């Protein structure tokens, strides 16, 4: 499965990476519904990040064209 990720909804609160997790393996902080996260905060200077969701792993990757791709 591969899909392009859409931008967060306008007006949602901005959250920095330090508010999402305290480091590798740390549980994510509780975020309000429709919380807006900056992609740079999620990627932390890299090109991709792995996301664990409902027992499955997904890869969020930034492309050369500045788009985001989420793959399972």
Protein backbone atom coordinates (compact mmCIF):
# COMPACT_ATOMS: atom_id res chain seq x y z
CA UNK A 1 0.00 0.00 0.00
CA UNK A 2 1.36 3.42 -0.91
CA UNK A 3 -0.34 6.77 -0.53
CA UNK A 4 0.63 10.42 -0.58
CA UNK A 5 -0.02 12.06 2.78
CA UNK A 6 -2.11 15.23 2.73
CA UNK A 7 -1.22 18.31 4.74
CA UNK A 8 -2.86 18.77 8.18
CA UNK A 9 -6.04 20.79 8.39
CA UNK A 10 -5.57 24.58 8.65
CA UNK A 11 -6.13 26.02 12.12
CA UNK A 12 -4.91 22.91 13.96
CA UNK A 13 -2.38 23.63 16.74
CA UNK A 14 1.32 23.37 15.82
CA UNK A 15 3.35 20.87 17.85
CA UNK A 16 7.13 20.46 17.97
CA UNK A 17 8.95 17.11 17.92
CA UNK A 18 9.75 17.37 21.64
CA UNK A 19 6.02 17.26 22.34
CA UNK A 20 5.55 14.10 20.24
CA UNK A 21 8.16 11.84 21.83
CA UNK A 22 11.00 12.00 24.31
CA UNK A 23 13.26 9.84 22.15
CA UNK A 24 13.56 6.46 20.49
CA UNK A 25 11.26 3.92 22.09
CA UNK A 26 9.54 6.51 24.26
CA UNK A 27 5.75 6.62 24.18
CA UNK A 28 4.24 9.44 22.18
CA UNK A 29 2.67 12.29 24.11
CA UNK A 30 -1.11 12.53 24.09
CA UNK A 31 -2.10 14.98 21.37
CA UNK A 32 -5.40 16.70 20.83
CA UNK A 33 -7.48 15.51 17.86
CA UNK A 34 -6.49 17.20 14.58
CA UNK A 35 -3.12 18.27 16.02
CA UNK A 36 -0.84 19.72 13.35
CA UNK A 37 2.72 18.36 13.28
CA UNK A 38 5.53 19.83 11.24
CA UNK A 39 7.11 17.22 8.93
CA UNK A 40 10.60 18.46 9.86
CA UNK A 41 9.80 17.70 13.50
CA UNK A 42 8.73 14.17 12.60
CA UNK A 43 11.66 13.48 10.29
CA UNK A 44 14.24 15.17 12.59
CA UNK A 45 16.57 16.10 9.74
CA UNK A 46 16.31 12.71 8.01
CA UNK A 47 14.46 11.60 4.90
CA UNK A 48 12.27 8.90 6.49
CA UNK A 49 10.77 7.72 9.76
CA UNK A 50 9.13 4.43 10.77
CA UNK A 51 5.72 4.64 12.43
CA UNK A 52 4.25 1.79 14.50
CA UNK A 53 0.44 1.76 14.23
CA UNK A 54 -1.97 -0.99 15.34
CA UNK A 55 0.76 -3.64 15.37
CA UNK A 56 2.02 -2.75 11.88
CA UNK A 57 5.02 -0.70 10.75
CA UNK A 58 4.75 2.09 8.18
CA UNK A 59 7.45 4.24 6.57
CA UNK A 60 6.89 7.98 6.11
CA UNK A 61 9.34 9.27 3.52
CA UNK A 62 10.07 12.71 2.05
CA UNK A 63 10.66 12.75 -1.72
CA UNK A 64 13.04 14.93 -3.71
CA UNK A 65 10.01 16.88 -4.93
CA UNK A 66 9.04 17.78 -1.34
CA UNK A 67 6.09 15.36 -1.09
CA UNK A 68 5.44 12.76 1.60
CA UNK A 69 4.82 9.07 0.90
CA UNK A 70 3.45 6.64 3.47
CA UNK A 71 4.10 2.95 2.73
CA UNK A 72 3.25 -0.23 4.60
